[in-house]
PDB file of N, CA and C in Angstrom:
ATOM      1  N   MET A   1     -34.198 -26.267 -22.377  1.00  0.00           N
ATOM      2  CA  MET A   1     -34.099 -25.261 -23.418  1.00  0.00           C
ATOM      3  C   MET A   1     -34.365 -25.906 -24.766  1.00  0.00           C
ATOM      4  N   PRO A   2     -35.103 -25.263 -25.638  1.00  0.00           N
ATOM      5  CA  PRO A   2     -35.351 -25.810 -26.964  1.00  0.00           C
ATOM      6  C   PRO A   2     -34.059 -25.930 -27.761  1.00  0.00           C
ATOM      7  N   TRP A   3     -34.069 -26.784 -28.742  1.00  0.00           N
ATOM      8  CA  TRP A   3     -32.888 -26.912 -29.583  1.00  0.00           C
ATOM      9  C   TRP A   3     -33.313 -27.009 -31.034  1.00  0.00           C
ATOM     10  N   ALA A   4     -32.406 -26.658 -31.871  1.00  0.00           N
ATOM     11  CA  ALA A   4     -32.580 -26.838 -33.302  1.00  0.00           C
ATOM     12  C   ALA A   4     -31.238 -27.293 -33.847  1.00  0.00           C
ATOM     13  N   SER A   5     -31.232 -28.272 -34.716  1.00  0.00           N
ATOM     14  CA  SER A   5     -29.958 -28.747 -35.233  1.00  0.00           C
ATOM     15  C   SER A   5     -30.059 -29.025 -36.720  1.00  0.00           C
ATOM     16  N   ALA A   6     -29.000 -28.728 -37.413  1.00  0.00           N
ATOM     17  CA  ALA A   6     -28.933 -29.037 -38.842  1.00  0.00           C
ATOM     18  C   ALA A   6     -28.506 -30.489 -38.971  1.00  0.00           C
ATOM     19  N   ARG A   7     -29.399 -31.339 -39.430  1.00  0.00           N
ATOM     20  CA  ARG A   7     -29.100 -32.766 -39.534  1.00  0.00           C
ATOM     21  C   ARG A   7     -28.387 -33.088 -40.849  1.00  0.00           C
ATOM     22  N   THR A   8     -28.716 -32.385 -41.893  1.00  0.00           N
ATOM     23  CA  THR A   8     -28.018 -32.515 -43.171  1.00  0.00           C
ATOM     24  C   THR A   8     -27.957 -31.116 -43.769  1.00  0.00           C
ATOM     25  N   SER A   9     -27.397 -31.009 -44.930  1.00  0.00           N
ATOM     26  CA  SER A   9     -27.304 -29.694 -45.554  1.00  0.00           C
ATOM     27  C   SER A   9     -28.667 -29.189 -46.030  1.00  0.00           C
ATOM     28  N   THR A  10     -29.669 -30.070 -46.110  1.00  0.00           N
ATOM     29  CA  THR A  10     -30.969 -29.643 -46.604  1.00  0.00           C
ATOM     30  C   THR A  10     -32.103 -29.823 -45.592  1.00  0.00           C
ATOM     31  N   ALA A  11     -31.811 -30.352 -44.421  1.00  0.00           N
ATOM     32  CA  ALA A  11     -32.873 -30.591 -43.437  1.00  0.00           C
ATOM     33  C   ALA A  11     -32.531 -29.906 -42.122  1.00  0.00           C
ATOM     34  N   LEU A  12     -33.557 -29.467 -41.447  1.00  0.00           N
ATOM     35  CA  LEU A  12     -33.385 -28.805 -40.161  1.00  0.00           C
ATOM     36  C   LEU A  12     -34.435 -29.363 -39.214  1.00  0.00           C
ATOM     37  N   GLY A  13     -34.004 -29.832 -38.051  1.00  0.00           N
ATOM     38  CA  GLY A  13     -34.949 -30.397 -37.090  1.00  0.00           C
ATOM     39  C   GLY A  13     -35.069 -29.504 -35.869  1.00  0.00           C
ATOM     40  N   THR A  14     -36.263 -29.406 -35.322  1.00  0.00           N
ATOM     41  CA  THR A  14     -36.471 -28.647 -34.093  1.00  0.00           C
ATOM     42  C   THR A  14     -37.248 -29.501 -33.108  1.00  0.00           C
ATOM     43  N   SER A  15     -37.124 -29.172 -31.854  1.00  0.00           N
ATOM     44  CA  SER A  15     -37.860 -29.886 -30.825  1.00  0.00           C
ATOM     45  C   SER A  15     -38.095 -28.951 -29.650  1.00  0.00           C
ATOM     46  N   VAL A  16     -39.223 -29.114 -29.016  1.00  0.00           N
ATOM     47  CA  VAL A  16     -39.462 -28.370 -27.783  1.00  0.00           C
ATOM     48  C   VAL A  16     -38.686 -29.042 -26.666  1.00  0.00           C
ATOM     49  N   ASP A  17     -38.607 -28.421 -25.507  1.00  0.00           N
ATOM     50  CA  ASP A  17     -37.768 -28.951 -24.431  1.00  0.00           C
ATOM     51  C   ASP A  17     -38.520 -29.821 -23.432  1.00  0.00           C
ATOM     52  N   HIS A  18     -39.631 -30.392 -23.843  1.00  0.00           N
ATOM     53  CA  HIS A  18     -40.410 -31.246 -22.949  1.00  0.00           C
ATOM     54  C   HIS A  18     -40.935 -32.436 -23.723  1.00  0.00           C
ATOM     55  N   GLY A  19     -41.620 -33.328 -23.050  1.00  0.00           N
ATOM     56  CA  GLY A  19     -42.190 -34.497 -23.700  1.00  0.00           C
ATOM     57  C   GLY A  19     -43.513 -34.182 -24.371  1.00  0.00           C
ATOM     58  N   THR A  20     -44.336 -35.198 -24.520  1.00  0.00           N
ATOM     59  CA  THR A  20     -45.597 -35.049 -25.233  1.00  0.00           C
ATOM     60  C   THR A  20     -46.703 -34.425 -24.395  1.00  0.00           C
ATOM     61  N   ALA A  21     -46.550 -34.384 -23.104  1.00  0.00           N
ATOM     62  CA  ALA A  21     -47.488 -33.732 -22.181  1.00  0.00           C
ATOM     63  C   ALA A  21     -48.904 -34.291 -22.295  1.00  0.00           C
ATOM     64  N   PHE A  22     -49.038 -35.610 -22.359  1.00  0.00           N
ATOM     65  CA  PHE A  22     -50.358 -36.223 -22.437  1.00  0.00           C
ATOM     66  C   PHE A  22     -51.224 -35.846 -21.229  1.00  0.00           C
ATOM     67  N   ASP A  23     -50.591 -35.587 -20.085  1.00  0.00           N
ATOM     68  CA  ASP A  23     -51.351 -35.273 -18.875  1.00  0.00           C
ATOM     69  C   ASP A  23     -52.114 -33.950 -18.965  1.00  0.00           C
ATOM     70  N   ILE A  24     -51.680 -33.047 -19.861  1.00  0.00           N
ATOM     71  CA  ILE A  24     -52.389 -31.767 -19.987  1.00  0.00           C
ATOM     72  C   ILE A  24     -53.051 -31.603 -21.353  1.00  0.00           C
ATOM     73  N   ALA A  25     -52.977 -32.634 -22.181  1.00  0.00           N
ATOM     74  CA  ALA A  25     -53.572 -32.562 -23.521  1.00  0.00           C
ATOM     75  C   ALA A  25     -55.070 -32.301 -23.440  1.00  0.00           C
ATOM     76  N   GLY A  26     -55.542 -31.365 -24.248  1.00  0.00           N
ATOM     77  CA  GLY A  26     -56.956 -31.055 -24.323  1.00  0.00           C
ATOM     78  C   GLY A  26     -57.491 -30.194 -23.192  1.00  0.00           C
ATOM     79  N   LYS A  27     -56.615 -29.745 -22.290  1.00  0.00           N
ATOM     80  CA  LYS A  27     -57.059 -28.948 -21.142  1.00  0.00           C
ATOM     81  C   LYS A  27     -56.856 -27.450 -21.343  1.00  0.00           C
ATOM     82  N   ASN A  28     -56.297 -27.060 -22.505  1.00  0.00           N
ATOM     83  CA  ASN A  28     -56.054 -25.656 -22.826  1.00  0.00           C
ATOM     84  C   ASN A  28     -55.174 -24.954 -21.792  1.00  0.00           C
ATOM     85  N   ILE A  29     -54.161 -25.681 -21.290  1.00  0.00           N
ATOM     86  CA  ILE A  29     -53.254 -25.087 -20.295  1.00  0.00           C
ATOM     87  C   ILE A  29     -51.793 -25.160 -20.727  1.00  0.00           C
ATOM     88  N   ALA A  30     -51.538 -25.674 -21.912  1.00  0.00           N
ATOM     89  CA  ALA A  30     -50.162 -25.801 -22.391  1.00  0.00           C
ATOM     90  C   ALA A  30     -49.543 -24.425 -22.630  1.00  0.00           C
ATOM     91  N   ASP A  31     -48.241 -24.340 -22.443  1.00  0.00           N
ATOM     92  CA  ASP A  31     -47.489 -23.109 -22.668  1.00  0.00           C
ATOM     93  C   ASP A  31     -46.741 -23.256 -23.989  1.00  0.00           C
ATOM     94  N   SER A  32     -47.012 -22.393 -24.936  1.00  0.00           N
ATOM     95  CA  SER A  32     -46.439 -22.528 -26.280  1.00  0.00           C
ATOM     96  C   SER A  32     -45.070 -21.862 -26.436  1.00  0.00           C
ATOM     97  N   ARG A  33     -44.554 -21.228 -25.399  1.00  0.00           N
ATOM     98  CA  ARG A  33     -43.294 -20.483 -25.549  1.00  0.00           C
ATOM     99  C   ARG A  33     -42.131 -21.342 -26.012  1.00  0.00           C
ATOM    100  N   SER A  34     -42.042 -22.583 -25.545  1.00  0.00           N
ATOM    101  CA  SER A  34     -40.943 -23.451 -25.946  1.00  0.00           C
ATOM    102  C   SER A  34     -40.995 -23.766 -27.434  1.00  0.00           C
ATOM    103  N   MET A  35     -42.178 -24.067 -27.937  1.00  0.00           N
ATOM    104  CA  MET A  35     -42.328 -24.359 -29.370  1.00  0.00           C
ATOM    105  C   MET A  35     -42.023 -23.128 -30.209  1.00  0.00           C
ATOM    106  N   VAL A  36     -42.496 -21.977 -29.781  1.00  0.00           N
ATOM    107  CA  VAL A  36     -42.232 -20.734 -30.509  1.00  0.00           C
ATOM    108  C   VAL A  36     -40.726 -20.472 -30.562  1.00  0.00           C
ATOM    109  N   GLU A  37     -40.026 -20.665 -29.446  1.00  0.00           N
ATOM    110  CA  GLU A  37     -38.576 -20.448 -29.422  1.00  0.00           C
ATOM    111  C   GLU A  37     -37.853 -21.445 -30.329  1.00  0.00           C
ATOM    112  N   ALA A  38     -38.288 -22.709 -30.330  1.00  0.00           N
ATOM    113  CA  ALA A  38     -37.676 -23.704 -31.219  1.00  0.00           C
ATOM    114  C   ALA A  38     -37.839 -23.290 -32.681  1.00  0.00           C
ATOM    115  N   LEU A  39     -39.001 -22.773 -33.026  1.00  0.00           N
ATOM    116  CA  LEU A  39     -39.229 -22.312 -34.402  1.00  0.00           C
ATOM    117  C   LEU A  39     -38.386 -21.086 -34.737  1.00  0.00           C
ATOM    118  N   HIS A  40     -38.225 -20.184 -33.787  1.00  0.00           N
ATOM    119  CA  HIS A  40     -37.371 -19.009 -34.009  1.00  0.00           C
ATOM    120  C   HIS A  40     -35.923 -19.440 -34.251  1.00  0.00           C
ATOM    121  N   GLN A  41     -35.455 -20.399 -33.441  1.00  0.00           N
ATOM    122  CA  GLN A  41     -34.088 -20.877 -33.619  1.00  0.00           C
ATOM    123  C   GLN A  41     -33.918 -21.553 -34.977  1.00  0.00           C
ATOM    124  N   ALA A  42     -34.904 -22.336 -35.390  1.00  0.00           N
ATOM    125  CA  ALA A  42     -34.826 -23.000 -36.694  1.00  0.00           C
ATOM    126  C   ALA A  42     -34.790 -21.975 -37.822  1.00  0.00           C
ATOM    127  N   ALA A  43     -35.609 -20.939 -37.711  1.00  0.00           N
ATOM    128  CA  ALA A  43     -35.623 -19.896 -38.734  1.00  0.00           C
ATOM    129  C   ALA A  43     -34.276 -19.186 -38.801  1.00  0.00           C
ATOM    130  N   GLU A  44     -33.685 -18.937 -37.652  1.00  0.00           N
ATOM    131  CA  GLU A  44     -32.367 -18.288 -37.620  1.00  0.00           C
ATOM    132  C   GLU A  44     -31.307 -19.182 -38.253  1.00  0.00           C
ATOM    133  N   MET A  45     -31.333 -20.460 -37.910  1.00  0.00           N
ATOM    134  CA  MET A  45     -30.338 -21.391 -38.468  1.00  0.00           C
ATOM    135  C   MET A  45     -30.528 -21.577 -39.961  1.00  0.00           C
ATOM    136  N   ALA A  46     -31.761 -21.530 -40.431  1.00  0.00           N
ATOM    137  CA  ALA A  46     -32.039 -21.744 -41.857  1.00  0.00           C
ATOM    138  C   ALA A  46     -31.489 -20.620 -42.716  1.00  0.00           C
ATOM    139  N   THR A  47     -31.278 -19.453 -42.129  1.00  0.00           N
ATOM    140  CA  THR A  47     -30.774 -18.322 -42.908  1.00  0.00           C
ATOM    141  C   THR A  47     -29.260 -18.181 -42.821  1.00  0.00           C
ATOM    142  N   ARG A  48     -28.617 -19.033 -42.054  1.00  0.00           N
ATOM    143  CA  ARG A  48     -27.146 -18.998 -41.958  1.00  0.00           C
ATOM    144  C   ARG A  48     -26.531 -19.673 -43.162  1.00  0.00           C
ATOM    145  N   PRO A  49     -25.345 -19.242 -43.557  1.00  0.00           N
ATOM    146  CA  PRO A  49     -24.658 -19.905 -44.669  1.00  0.00           C
ATOM    147  C   PRO A  49     -24.298 -21.350 -44.293  1.00  0.00           C
ATOM    148  N   ALA A  50     -24.280 -22.224 -45.263  1.00  0.00           N
ATOM    149  CA  ALA A  50     -23.909 -23.618 -45.022  1.00  0.00           C
ATOM    150  C   ALA A  50     -22.444 -23.700 -44.606  1.00  0.00           C
ATOM    151  N   VAL A  51     -22.155 -24.632 -43.722  1.00  0.00           N
ATOM    152  CA  VAL A  51     -20.784 -24.840 -43.239  1.00  0.00           C
ATOM    153  C   VAL A  51     -20.341 -26.234 -43.665  1.00  0.00           C
ATOM    154  N   ALA A  52     -19.202 -26.332 -44.298  1.00  0.00           N
ATOM    155  CA  ALA A  52     -18.673 -27.623 -44.716  1.00  0.00           C
ATOM    156  C   ALA A  52     -18.282 -28.434 -43.497  1.00  0.00           C
ATOM    157  N   VAL A  53     -18.589 -29.728 -43.542  1.00  0.00           N
ATOM    158  CA  VAL A  53     -18.280 -30.613 -42.416  1.00  0.00           C
ATOM    159  C   VAL A  53     -17.122 -31.482 -42.755  1.00  0.00           C
TER     160      VAL A  53
END
C-alpha cells in the first residue's frame, strides 16, 4: 500500500508501494495506480491542520 508521511512541519514525503521496476522500464506496461494513490494521500495530508509533536 502506498504511504505518505509528514517528515517535518513543512515537508511531506510520498512513495509508491514497489521498487524501481527496472525490469519493466521502457516497456509501457507499468501500472500508475500506486503513484496516483500516493499523490492523493499526500494532497489530503497537506490540507490537514498541523499537529504539535
